Amino acid sequence: MCPDSLQQRTFRTATADDTQLLGRALAARLRAGEWLLLSGPLGAGKTTFVRGLARGLGYDGTVRSPTFTLVATYKTSPMLVHADLYRLDEGACVDDLGLDDLAAEGDAVVVVEWADRFPQLGVGRNALRVSIDLDDDPGCDVRTLSFARAAGTSHRLWQEVERL
């Protein structure tokens, strides 16, 4: 894994396990109230990355993408709120999911898959945008994970990404 520039950090992972390890490393640096806004095509490794986050926050159960339930919570420290917006129409009101309420009540970290379909999610939140792409080479498991600052990303959170 090798990081790149200042306002964006890019890592490449060679396996799904490496992707989970990166998630785990980031989890150790996250605090309640912080958001990760994930984007990437189907099969890129968004849920794999979330599995690593969950492990890093202390969860040892099964982590699946909440594609049909839309939101899953995991009893971790801080609590992990995992949302998947794939099934929502782009015009849907994401506020109706109550992610802000869950985050506040549960003292939680919020991770949202398919967040790029709802750009307003990054507004006014302490959030990182994480783009995950799988290399095009068939049979290759190499992924590129690019972390970028959203407008409200705290200096502390961005420093933690720079330390990865």
Protein backbone atom coordinates (compact mmCIF):
# COMPACT_ATOMS: atom_id res chain seq x y z
CA MET A 1 0.00 0.00 0.00
CA CYS A 2 1.47 3.33 -0.99
CA PRO A 3 -0.02 6.77 -0.28
CA ASP A 4 -0.05 9.68 -2.75
CA SER A 5 -0.73 13.46 -2.54
CA LEU A 6 -1.89 15.96 0.12
CA GLN A 7 -5.65 16.44 -0.34
CA GLN A 8 -6.12 12.95 -1.73
CA ARG A 9 -4.47 9.76 -0.55
CA THR A 10 -4.40 6.70 -2.74
CA PHE A 11 -3.67 3.15 -1.70
CA ARG A 12 -3.48 -0.03 -3.75
CA THR A 13 -4.32 -3.37 -2.20
CA ALA A 14 -3.40 -6.69 -3.80
CA THR A 15 -6.07 -8.86 -2.15
CA ALA A 16 -9.42 -8.61 -0.40
CA ASP A 17 -7.56 -9.32 2.86
CA ASP A 18 -5.32 -6.29 2.21
CA THR A 19 -8.44 -4.16 1.61
CA GLN A 20 -9.81 -5.32 4.96
CA LEU A 21 -6.47 -4.56 6.63
CA LEU A 22 -6.61 -1.00 5.31
CA GLY A 23 -10.15 -0.67 6.70
CA ARG A 24 -8.96 -2.05 10.01
CA ALA A 25 -6.06 0.42 10.14
CA LEU A 26 -8.40 3.33 9.48
CA ALA A 27 -10.91 2.10 12.08
CA ALA A 28 -8.29 2.48 14.80
CA ARG A 29 -8.16 6.19 13.94
CA LEU A 30 -11.89 6.94 13.67
CA ARG A 31 -14.01 8.72 16.25
CA ALA A 32 -17.75 8.95 16.77
CA GLY A 33 -19.37 11.53 14.49
CA GLU A 34 -17.11 10.81 11.53
CA TRP A 35 -18.49 9.64 8.20
CA LEU A 36 -17.01 7.60 5.35
CA LEU A 37 -18.75 8.11 2.01
CA LEU A 38 -17.93 5.15 -0.24
CA SER A 39 -18.24 4.96 -3.99
CA GLY A 40 -17.22 2.45 -6.61
CA PRO A 41 -18.78 0.00 -9.05
CA LEU A 42 -20.42 -3.28 -8.08
CA GLY A 43 -17.81 -5.72 -6.84
CA ALA A 44 -15.13 -3.08 -6.24
CA GLY A 45 -14.74 -3.96 -2.56
CA LYS A 46 -16.87 -1.45 -0.66
CA THR A 47 -18.33 -4.07 1.69
CA THR A 48 -14.94 -5.77 1.99
CA PHE A 49 -13.52 -2.46 3.21
CA VAL A 50 -16.42 -2.09 5.69
CA ARG A 51 -15.68 -5.59 7.03
CA GLY A 52 -12.20 -4.37 7.89
CA LEU A 53 -13.62 -1.27 9.55
CA ALA A 54 -15.99 -3.39 11.63
CA ARG A 55 -13.17 -5.72 12.71
CA GLY A 56 -11.02 -2.73 13.62
CA LEU A 57 -13.84 -1.35 15.77
CA GLY A 58 -14.20 -4.67 17.61
CA TYR A 59 -16.96 -6.52 15.75
CA ASP A 60 -16.30 -10.19 14.99
CA GLY A 61 -19.62 -11.25 13.44
CA THR A 62 -20.72 -11.36 9.82
CA VAL A 63 -20.77 -8.08 7.91
CA ARG A 64 -22.96 -7.99 4.82
CA SER A 65 -23.99 -5.08 2.69
CA PRO A 66 -27.41 -3.91 3.86
CA THR A 67 -28.67 -3.66 0.27
CA PHE A 68 -32.25 -4.61 1.14
CA THR A 69 -32.50 -3.30 4.69
CA LEU A 70 -30.60 -0.11 3.72
CA VAL A 71 -29.03 0.35 7.19
CA ALA A 72 -27.28 -2.01 9.60
CA THR A 73 -25.77 -1.17 12.96
CA TYR A 74 -22.95 -3.01 14.68
CA LYS A 75 -22.23 -2.93 18.38
CA THR A 76 -18.70 -1.66 18.25
CA SER A 77 -16.85 1.13 19.98
CA PRO A 78 -17.85 3.59 18.68
CA MET A 79 -20.97 2.05 17.15
CA LEU A 80 -20.78 1.42 13.39
CA VAL A 81 -23.74 2.48 11.22
CA HIS A 82 -23.48 0.92 7.76
CA ALA A 83 -25.81 2.12 5.00
CA ASP A 84 -26.14 0.94 1.41
CA LEU A 85 -27.99 3.32 -0.91
CA TYR A 86 -27.80 1.18 -4.07
CA ARG A 87 -31.54 0.47 -4.15
CA LEU A 88 -32.58 4.10 -3.59
CA ASP A 89 -33.58 6.30 -6.49
CA GLU A 90 -31.20 9.21 -6.92
CA GLY A 91 -34.02 11.62 -6.08
CA ALA A 92 -34.86 9.88 -2.79
CA CYS A 93 -34.61 11.79 0.46
CA VAL A 94 -31.71 10.16 2.29
CA ASP A 95 -32.55 12.18 5.40
CA ASP A 96 -35.56 9.87 5.86
CA LEU A 97 -33.16 7.04 6.74
CA GLY A 98 -32.28 8.81 9.99
CA LEU A 99 -28.52 8.36 9.63
CA ASP A 100 -27.81 11.60 11.47
CA ASP A 101 -30.10 10.50 14.31
CA LEU A 102 -28.48 7.06 14.50
CA ALA A 103 -25.05 8.66 14.55
CA ALA A 104 -26.00 11.08 17.32
CA GLU A 105 -27.91 8.58 19.47
CA GLY A 106 -25.41 5.78 19.09
CA ASP A 107 -22.26 7.86 19.29
CA ALA A 108 -21.36 6.27 15.97
CA VAL A 109 -19.16 6.21 12.91
CA VAL A 110 -21.30 6.21 9.75
CA VAL A 111 -20.25 4.43 6.56
CA VAL A 112 -22.37 4.87 3.42
CA GLU A 113 -21.99 2.73 0.29
CA TRP A 114 -23.05 4.35 -3.00
CA ALA A 115 -22.78 7.80 -1.40
CA ASP A 116 -21.73 9.33 -4.72
CA ARG A 117 -25.36 9.04 -5.85
CA PHE A 118 -26.29 11.51 -3.08
CA PRO A 119 -23.71 14.34 -3.09
CA GLN A 120 -25.54 16.23 -0.31
CA LEU A 121 -24.34 13.58 2.18
CA GLY A 122 -20.92 15.22 2.35
CA VAL A 123 -22.30 18.68 3.09
CA GLY A 124 -21.72 19.87 6.64
CA ARG A 125 -20.45 16.52 7.89
CA ASN A 126 -17.04 15.47 9.12
CA ALA A 127 -16.66 13.05 6.22
CA LEU A 128 -14.09 11.37 4.04
CA ARG A 129 -14.90 10.38 0.49
CA VAL A 130 -13.49 6.95 -0.36
CA SER A 131 -13.53 5.80 -3.97
CA ILE A 132 -12.80 2.10 -4.51
CA ASP A 133 -12.01 0.66 -7.92
CA LEU A 134 -11.11 -2.87 -8.95
CA ASP A 135 -8.45 -3.19 -11.64
CA ASP A 136 -9.76 -4.29 -15.03
CA ASP A 137 -7.37 -7.24 -15.37
CA PRO A 138 -9.46 -10.46 -15.17
CA GLY A 139 -8.48 -12.65 -12.25
CA CYS A 140 -6.70 -9.76 -10.56
CA ASP A 141 -7.84 -8.64 -7.12
CA VAL A 142 -5.93 -5.34 -7.06
CA ARG A 143 -7.99 -2.40 -5.81
CA THR A 144 -7.29 1.30 -5.75
CA LEU A 145 -8.73 3.16 -2.76
CA SER A 146 -8.65 6.94 -2.98
CA PHE A 147 -9.42 9.00 0.11
CA ALA A 148 -10.42 12.63 -0.42
CA ARG A 149 -11.40 15.41 1.93
CA ALA A 150 -15.02 16.51 1.88
CA ALA A 151 -15.71 20.19 2.64
CA GLY A 152 -16.37 19.48 6.33
CA THR A 153 -13.55 17.01 6.95
CA SER A 154 -11.78 17.88 10.17
CA HIS A 155 -8.06 18.51 10.23
CA ARG A 156 -7.68 15.71 12.80
CA LEU A 157 -9.42 13.13 10.61
CA TRP A 158 -7.41 14.09 7.55
CA GLN A 159 -4.16 13.86 9.54
CA GLU A 160 -5.13 10.32 10.53
CA VAL A 161 -5.56 9.38 6.86
CA GLU A 162 -2.15 10.87 6.12
CA ARG A 163 -0.67 8.62 8.82
CA LEU A 164 -2.00 5.41 7.27
